[in-house]
Amino acid sequence: MAASSRAQVLRLYRALLRESQCFSSYNYRTYAIRRIRDAFRENKSIKDSEKIEELVNKAKANLEVIRRQAECPSLREVT
C-alpha cells in the first residue's frame, strides 16, 4: 500500500472512531466502535489496490451515515 493510501486509511479510521464517540446511546456507541475496529483488523492484510479503494469508499459512506445519525457539533466546527 502506498504511503498516501495508508495515511488516508488511517485518517478515515480515526475519523470513524471520533464520530462514533458522539452517539448518545452507550449501546450504539460501543457497537459502532467495535464494528469499526473489527472491520479494519479484518481487512488490514489486503494488498489489492482496487479492493482497498472499494473498502475506503464504503468506509467514507459509513462515515457520512454516522455523521448524520450522531450529534457532535463540537467536532463539526473543527473539521
Protein backbone atom coordinates (compact mmCIF):
# COMPACT_ATOMS: atom_id res chain seq x y z
CA MET A 1 0.00 0.00 0.00
CA ALA A 2 1.37 3.42 -0.89
CA ALA A 3 2.20 5.80 1.94
CA SER A 4 -0.50 8.27 0.89
CA SER A 5 -3.08 5.50 0.75
CA ARG A 6 -2.01 4.28 4.19
CA ALA A 7 -2.29 7.80 5.58
CA GLN A 8 -5.73 8.18 4.01
CA VAL A 9 -6.92 4.93 5.57
CA LEU A 10 -5.57 5.91 8.99
CA ARG A 11 -7.27 9.32 8.79
CA LEU A 12 -10.52 7.61 7.86
CA TYR A 13 -10.15 5.13 10.74
CA ARG A 14 -9.58 7.94 13.25
CA ALA A 15 -12.49 9.95 11.86
CA LEU A 16 -14.84 6.96 12.14
CA LEU A 17 -13.80 6.32 15.75
CA ARG A 18 -14.04 10.02 16.64
CA GLU A 19 -17.52 10.42 15.14
CA SER A 20 -18.71 7.19 16.77
CA GLN A 21 -17.96 8.70 20.18
CA CYS A 22 -20.83 11.13 19.55
CA PHE A 23 -23.61 8.54 19.75
CA SER A 24 -25.63 9.37 22.82
CA SER A 25 -26.60 5.75 23.44
CA TYR A 26 -23.90 3.64 25.07
CA ASN A 27 -25.02 0.57 23.12
CA TYR A 28 -24.83 2.30 19.71
CA ARG A 29 -21.50 3.86 20.61
CA THR A 30 -19.82 0.63 21.70
CA TYR A 31 -21.31 -1.34 18.80
CA ALA A 32 -20.06 1.19 16.25
CA ILE A 33 -16.58 1.30 17.74
CA ARG A 34 -16.36 -2.49 17.88
CA ARG A 35 -17.54 -2.86 14.26
CA ILE A 36 -15.05 -0.25 13.03
CA ARG A 37 -12.13 -1.89 14.79
CA ASP A 38 -13.14 -5.37 13.67
CA ALA A 39 -13.59 -4.31 10.03
CA PHE A 40 -10.22 -2.58 9.86
CA ARG A 41 -8.45 -5.51 11.53
CA GLU A 42 -10.15 -7.98 9.21
CA ASN A 43 -9.05 -6.07 6.11
CA LYS A 44 -5.55 -4.99 7.14
CA SER A 45 -3.82 -7.68 5.09
CA ILE A 46 -5.48 -6.78 1.78
CA LYS A 47 -2.94 -5.78 -0.88
CA ASP A 48 -5.17 -5.39 -3.96
CA SER A 49 -5.43 -1.65 -4.67
CA GLU A 50 -8.88 -1.96 -6.27
CA LYS A 51 -10.24 -3.79 -3.24
CA ILE A 52 -8.66 -1.22 -0.92
CA GLU A 53 -10.26 1.62 -2.89
CA GLU A 54 -13.63 -0.14 -2.71
CA LEU A 55 -13.33 -0.56 1.06
CA VAL A 56 -12.24 3.07 1.53
CA ASN A 57 -15.28 4.27 -0.41
CA LYS A 58 -17.53 2.05 1.69
CA ALA A 59 -15.95 3.44 4.88
CA LYS A 60 -16.46 7.02 3.65
CA ALA A 61 -20.13 6.27 3.06
CA ASN A 62 -20.38 4.80 6.56
CA LEU A 63 -18.72 7.90 7.98
CA GLU A 64 -21.38 10.07 6.38
CA VAL A 65 -24.10 7.87 7.88
CA ILE A 66 -22.53 8.17 11.33
CA ARG A 67 -22.25 11.95 10.92
CA ARG A 68 -25.96 12.17 10.07
CA GLN A 69 -27.03 9.97 12.98
CA ALA A 70 -24.70 11.09 15.74
CA GLU A 71 -24.89 14.60 17.04
CA CYS A 72 -21.49 16.03 17.75
CA PRO A 73 -21.48 19.75 16.99
CA SER A 74 -18.11 20.43 18.62
CA LEU A 75 -16.33 18.16 16.11
CA ARG A 76 -18.21 19.59 13.11
CA GLU A 77 -16.88 23.07 13.80
CA VAL A 78 -13.28 21.82 13.71
CA THR A 79 -13.47 19.61 10.59
